[in-house]
Amino acid sequence: RALRIMVYSIIHTLKSVIWAVILLFMVIYFFGILFTQVTNEYRHSILTEVPAPSSSVTMIETNLKFWGSLGTSMLTLLESVIGGVDWADALEPLTVIHWFW
């Protein structure tokens, strides 16, 4: 009887867990799009300057490592949430673009 109650409770809490995961994915997706767009606009503006400053090119490479595409941006955000990457390391390239980020 106790096992049946425990299994029943776990099955009924899965609905809340699924909605929490969906909400987390939506938030990560939204901010992934935002950070990817900002990074790519910054890269485009720097690379169109003639000549491009060498320090900016190095920062662009760091930006692309964390925020180069939507997939890498979402992975960076997920790793920041679960502890796979330090948020300060991922945030540093964005602060070069503008203090707001």
N, C-alpha and C. Protein backbone atom coordinates (compact mmCIF):
# COMPACT_ATOMS: atom_id res chain seq x y z
N ARG A 1 0.81 -1.20 0.00
CA ARG A 1 0.00 0.00 0.00
C ARG A 1 0.86 1.26 0.00
N ALA A 2 1.92 1.30 0.78
CA ALA A 2 2.78 2.48 0.86
C ALA A 2 3.47 2.74 -0.49
N LEU A 3 3.88 1.65 -1.15
CA LEU A 3 4.52 1.81 -2.46
C LEU A 3 3.54 2.38 -3.47
N ARG A 4 2.30 1.93 -3.42
CA ARG A 4 1.27 2.43 -4.33
C ARG A 4 1.03 3.92 -4.13
N ILE A 5 0.98 4.35 -2.88
CA ILE A 5 0.79 5.78 -2.58
C ILE A 5 1.97 6.60 -3.08
N MET A 6 3.19 6.07 -2.89
CA MET A 6 4.37 6.79 -3.34
C MET A 6 4.40 6.91 -4.87
N VAL A 7 4.12 5.83 -5.57
CA VAL A 7 4.10 5.86 -7.03
C VAL A 7 3.01 6.81 -7.52
N TYR A 8 1.86 6.77 -6.91
CA TYR A 8 0.75 7.66 -7.26
C TYR A 8 1.16 9.12 -7.08
N SER A 9 1.82 9.42 -5.98
CA SER A 9 2.26 10.80 -5.71
C SER A 9 3.29 11.26 -6.72
N ILE A 10 4.23 10.40 -7.06
CA ILE A 10 5.26 10.76 -8.04
C ILE A 10 4.63 11.02 -9.40
N ILE A 11 3.72 10.19 -9.82
CA ILE A 11 3.08 10.36 -11.12
C ILE A 11 2.30 11.68 -11.18
N HIS A 12 1.64 12.03 -10.11
CA HIS A 12 0.85 13.26 -10.12
C HIS A 12 1.69 14.52 -9.98
N THR A 13 2.92 14.41 -9.47
CA THR A 13 3.78 15.60 -9.41
C THR A 13 4.54 15.81 -10.72
N LEU A 14 4.55 14.81 -11.59
CA LEU A 14 5.26 14.96 -12.86
C LEU A 14 4.66 16.07 -13.73
N LYS A 15 3.36 16.31 -13.59
CA LYS A 15 2.73 17.39 -14.35
C LYS A 15 3.36 18.73 -13.99
N SER A 16 3.58 18.98 -12.72
CA SER A 16 4.21 20.23 -12.29
C SER A 16 5.66 20.30 -12.74
N VAL A 17 6.36 19.19 -12.69
CA VAL A 17 7.76 19.16 -13.12
C VAL A 17 7.86 19.46 -14.60
N ILE A 18 6.99 18.89 -15.40
CA ILE A 18 7.01 19.12 -16.85
C ILE A 18 6.76 20.59 -17.15
N TRP A 19 5.80 21.21 -16.47
CA TRP A 19 5.54 22.63 -16.70
C TRP A 19 6.71 23.50 -16.26
N ALA A 20 7.38 23.12 -15.18
CA ALA A 20 8.56 23.87 -14.74
C ALA A 20 9.69 23.78 -15.77
N VAL A 21 9.90 22.60 -16.35
CA VAL A 21 10.92 22.43 -17.38
C VAL A 21 10.57 23.23 -18.63
N ILE A 22 9.31 23.23 -19.01
CA ILE A 22 8.88 24.02 -20.17
C ILE A 22 9.11 25.50 -19.93
N LEU A 23 8.79 25.99 -18.74
CA LEU A 23 9.02 27.40 -18.41
C LEU A 23 10.51 27.72 -18.43
N LEU A 24 11.34 26.85 -17.87
CA LEU A 24 12.78 27.06 -17.89
C LEU A 24 13.30 27.11 -19.32
N PHE A 25 12.84 26.22 -20.18
CA PHE A 25 13.25 26.21 -21.57
C PHE A 25 12.84 27.50 -22.27
N MET A 26 11.65 28.00 -22.00
CA MET A 26 11.19 29.23 -22.64
C MET A 26 12.05 30.43 -22.22
N VAL A 27 12.40 30.50 -20.94
CA VAL A 27 13.24 31.60 -20.46
C VAL A 27 14.63 31.52 -21.08
N ILE A 28 15.20 30.32 -21.11
CA ILE A 28 16.52 30.13 -21.72
C ILE A 28 16.47 30.47 -23.20
N TYR A 29 15.41 30.07 -23.88
CA TYR A 29 15.26 30.36 -25.32
C TYR A 29 15.18 31.87 -25.56
N PHE A 30 14.39 32.58 -24.77
CA PHE A 30 14.24 34.03 -24.92
C PHE A 30 15.57 34.75 -24.73
N PHE A 31 16.26 34.45 -23.63
CA PHE A 31 17.52 35.14 -23.38
C PHE A 31 18.62 34.66 -24.32
N GLY A 32 18.54 33.43 -24.79
CA GLY A 32 19.48 32.96 -25.80
C GLY A 32 19.38 33.76 -27.08
N ILE A 33 18.15 34.01 -27.52
CA ILE A 33 17.94 34.84 -28.71
C ILE A 33 18.47 36.25 -28.48
N LEU A 34 18.19 36.81 -27.32
CA LEU A 34 18.61 38.17 -27.01
C LEU A 34 20.13 38.29 -27.02
N PHE A 35 20.83 37.42 -26.31
CA PHE A 35 22.29 37.50 -26.23
C PHE A 35 22.96 37.17 -27.57
N THR A 36 22.40 36.25 -28.32
CA THR A 36 22.96 35.92 -29.64
C THR A 36 22.82 37.12 -30.58
N GLN A 37 21.69 37.76 -30.56
CA GLN A 37 21.46 38.93 -31.42
C GLN A 37 22.41 40.06 -31.08
N VAL A 38 22.57 40.34 -29.80
CA VAL A 38 23.46 41.41 -29.37
C VAL A 38 24.90 41.11 -29.79
N THR A 39 25.33 39.88 -29.57
CA THR A 39 26.69 39.49 -29.92
C THR A 39 26.94 39.59 -31.42
N ASN A 40 26.00 39.12 -32.21
CA ASN A 40 26.20 39.16 -33.65
C ASN A 40 26.15 40.58 -34.21
N GLU A 41 25.33 41.44 -33.65
CA GLU A 41 25.32 42.84 -34.08
C GLU A 41 26.64 43.53 -33.72
N TYR A 42 27.16 43.23 -32.55
CA TYR A 42 28.45 43.80 -32.14
C TYR A 42 29.56 43.31 -33.05
N ARG A 43 29.57 42.02 -33.35
CA ARG A 43 30.58 41.45 -34.23
C ARG A 43 30.53 42.10 -35.61
N HIS A 44 29.32 42.27 -36.11
CA HIS A 44 29.16 42.88 -37.43
C HIS A 44 29.65 44.33 -37.43
N SER A 45 29.35 45.07 -36.38
CA SER A 45 29.77 46.48 -36.33
C SER A 45 31.29 46.60 -36.20
N ILE A 46 31.93 45.70 -35.46
CA ILE A 46 33.38 45.75 -35.29
C ILE A 46 34.09 45.34 -36.57
N LEU A 47 33.60 44.28 -37.21
CA LEU A 47 34.28 43.77 -38.39
C LEU A 47 34.12 44.67 -39.61
N THR A 48 33.12 45.55 -39.59
CA THR A 48 32.96 46.48 -40.72
C THR A 48 33.87 47.69 -40.58
N GLU A 49 34.47 47.90 -39.39
CA GLU A 49 35.43 48.98 -39.21
C GLU A 49 36.74 48.59 -39.92
N VAL A 50 37.37 49.58 -40.51
CA VAL A 50 38.65 49.31 -41.18
C VAL A 50 39.70 50.19 -40.54
N PRO A 51 40.76 49.67 -40.00
CA PRO A 51 41.01 48.26 -39.67
C PRO A 51 40.35 47.91 -38.34
N ALA A 52 40.02 46.66 -38.16
CA ALA A 52 39.40 46.21 -36.91
C ALA A 52 40.45 46.16 -35.81
N PRO A 53 40.16 46.73 -34.64
CA PRO A 53 41.13 46.68 -33.54
C PRO A 53 41.40 45.23 -33.12
N SER A 54 42.67 44.93 -32.84
CA SER A 54 43.03 43.55 -32.51
C SER A 54 42.42 43.10 -31.18
N SER A 55 42.27 44.01 -30.22
CA SER A 55 41.66 43.64 -28.94
C SER A 55 40.19 43.29 -29.14
N SER A 56 39.53 43.97 -30.06
CA SER A 56 38.12 43.67 -30.34
C SER A 56 37.98 42.32 -31.01
N VAL A 57 38.92 41.96 -31.88
CA VAL A 57 38.86 40.66 -32.54
C VAL A 57 39.00 39.54 -31.52
N THR A 58 39.89 39.72 -30.53
CA THR A 58 40.04 38.72 -29.47
C THR A 58 38.75 38.61 -28.66
N MET A 59 38.13 39.74 -28.37
CA MET A 59 36.89 39.70 -27.60
C MET A 59 35.76 39.08 -28.41
N ILE A 60 35.76 39.29 -29.71
CA ILE A 60 34.74 38.67 -30.57
C ILE A 60 34.87 37.15 -30.51
N GLU A 61 36.09 36.65 -30.51
CA GLU A 61 36.29 35.20 -30.42
C GLU A 61 35.76 34.65 -29.10
N THR A 62 35.99 35.39 -28.02
CA THR A 62 35.45 34.96 -26.72
C THR A 62 33.93 35.04 -26.72
N ASN A 63 33.39 36.10 -27.32
CA ASN A 63 31.94 36.22 -27.42
C ASN A 63 31.34 35.05 -28.20
N LEU A 64 31.98 34.69 -29.31
CA LEU A 64 31.46 33.60 -30.14
C LEU A 64 31.52 32.26 -29.41
N LYS A 65 32.48 32.12 -28.51
CA LYS A 65 32.59 30.87 -27.74
C LYS A 65 31.34 30.65 -26.89
N PHE A 66 30.84 31.70 -26.28
CA PHE A 66 29.68 31.58 -25.39
C PHE A 66 28.36 31.94 -26.07
N TRP A 67 28.38 32.91 -26.97
CA TRP A 67 27.14 33.48 -27.50
C TRP A 67 27.09 33.52 -29.02
N GLY A 68 27.84 32.69 -29.72
CA GLY A 68 27.96 32.77 -31.17
C GLY A 68 26.73 32.35 -31.94
N SER A 69 25.98 31.39 -31.43
CA SER A 69 24.76 30.94 -32.10
C SER A 69 23.70 30.69 -31.04
N LEU A 70 22.49 30.48 -31.50
CA LEU A 70 21.40 30.26 -30.54
C LEU A 70 21.66 29.00 -29.71
N GLY A 71 22.18 27.97 -30.35
CA GLY A 71 22.47 26.73 -29.62
C GLY A 71 23.52 26.91 -28.54
N THR A 72 24.61 27.62 -28.88
CA THR A 72 25.65 27.83 -27.88
C THR A 72 25.19 28.78 -26.78
N SER A 73 24.36 29.75 -27.14
CA SER A 73 23.82 30.65 -26.12
C SER A 73 22.92 29.91 -25.15
N MET A 74 22.07 29.06 -25.67
CA MET A 74 21.18 28.29 -24.80
C MET A 74 21.99 27.31 -23.94
N LEU A 75 23.02 26.71 -24.52
CA LEU A 75 23.87 25.80 -23.76
C LEU A 75 24.61 26.55 -22.65
N THR A 76 25.11 27.74 -22.96
CA THR A 76 25.79 28.55 -21.95
C THR A 76 24.85 28.91 -20.81
N LEU A 77 23.62 29.29 -21.14
CA LEU A 77 22.65 29.64 -20.10
C LEU A 77 22.28 28.42 -19.26
N LEU A 78 22.08 27.28 -19.91
CA LEU A 78 21.76 26.06 -19.17
C LEU A 78 22.92 25.65 -18.27
N GLU A 79 24.14 25.71 -18.80
CA GLU A 79 25.30 25.37 -17.98
C GLU A 79 25.46 26.35 -16.81
N SER A 80 25.10 27.61 -17.01
CA SER A 80 25.16 28.58 -15.92
C SER A 80 24.15 28.23 -14.83
N VAL A 81 23.00 27.75 -15.22
CA VAL A 81 21.96 27.39 -14.25
C VAL A 81 22.36 26.14 -13.46
N ILE A 82 22.91 25.15 -14.14
CA ILE A 82 23.20 23.88 -13.46
C ILE A 82 24.62 23.81 -12.92
N GLY A 83 25.42 24.85 -13.12
CA GLY A 83 26.74 24.90 -12.52
C GLY A 83 27.86 24.40 -13.40
N GLY A 84 27.64 24.23 -14.68
CA GLY A 84 28.67 23.73 -15.57
C GLY A 84 29.67 24.79 -15.98
N VAL A 85 29.25 26.04 -15.99
CA VAL A 85 30.15 27.15 -16.34
C VAL A 85 29.85 28.29 -15.37
N ASP A 86 30.88 29.00 -15.00
CA ASP A 86 30.71 30.12 -14.09
C ASP A 86 30.06 31.28 -14.84
N TRP A 87 29.04 31.87 -14.25
CA TRP A 87 28.30 32.94 -14.91
C TRP A 87 29.19 34.14 -15.17
N ALA A 88 30.16 34.40 -14.30
CA ALA A 88 31.06 35.54 -14.49
C ALA A 88 31.89 35.36 -15.76
N ASP A 89 32.30 34.14 -16.06
CA ASP A 89 33.07 33.89 -17.28
C ASP A 89 32.22 34.12 -18.53
N ALA A 90 30.97 33.73 -18.48
CA ALA A 90 30.09 33.91 -19.63
C ALA A 90 29.62 35.35 -19.77
N LEU A 91 29.53 36.07 -18.66
CA LEU A 91 29.04 37.44 -18.69
C LEU A 91 30.11 38.44 -19.10
N GLU A 92 31.36 38.14 -18.83
CA GLU A 92 32.45 39.08 -19.12
C GLU A 92 32.49 39.57 -20.57
N PRO A 93 32.36 38.69 -21.57
CA PRO A 93 32.36 39.20 -22.95
C PRO A 93 31.17 40.11 -23.26
N LEU A 94 30.05 39.90 -22.59
CA LEU A 94 28.89 40.76 -22.84
C LEU A 94 29.06 42.15 -22.24
N THR A 95 29.80 42.24 -21.14
CA THR A 95 30.00 43.55 -20.52
C THR A 95 30.89 44.44 -21.36
N VAL A 96 31.70 43.85 -22.22
CA VAL A 96 32.53 44.66 -23.13
C VAL A 96 31.65 45.35 -24.16
N ILE A 97 30.57 44.67 -24.57
CA ILE A 97 29.66 45.25 -25.56
C ILE A 97 28.97 46.48 -24.99
N HIS A 98 28.40 46.32 -23.80
CA HIS A 98 27.71 47.44 -23.14
C HIS A 98 27.54 47.07 -21.67
N TRP A 99 27.49 48.06 -20.79
CA TRP A 99 27.36 47.77 -19.36
C TRP A 99 26.02 47.12 -19.03
N PHE A 100 24.99 47.37 -19.84
CA PHE A 100 23.66 46.83 -19.59
C PHE A 100 23.64 45.32 -19.61
N TRP A 101 24.45 44.73 -20.46
CA TRP A 101 24.44 43.27 -20.59
C TRP A 101 25.26 42.67 -19.49
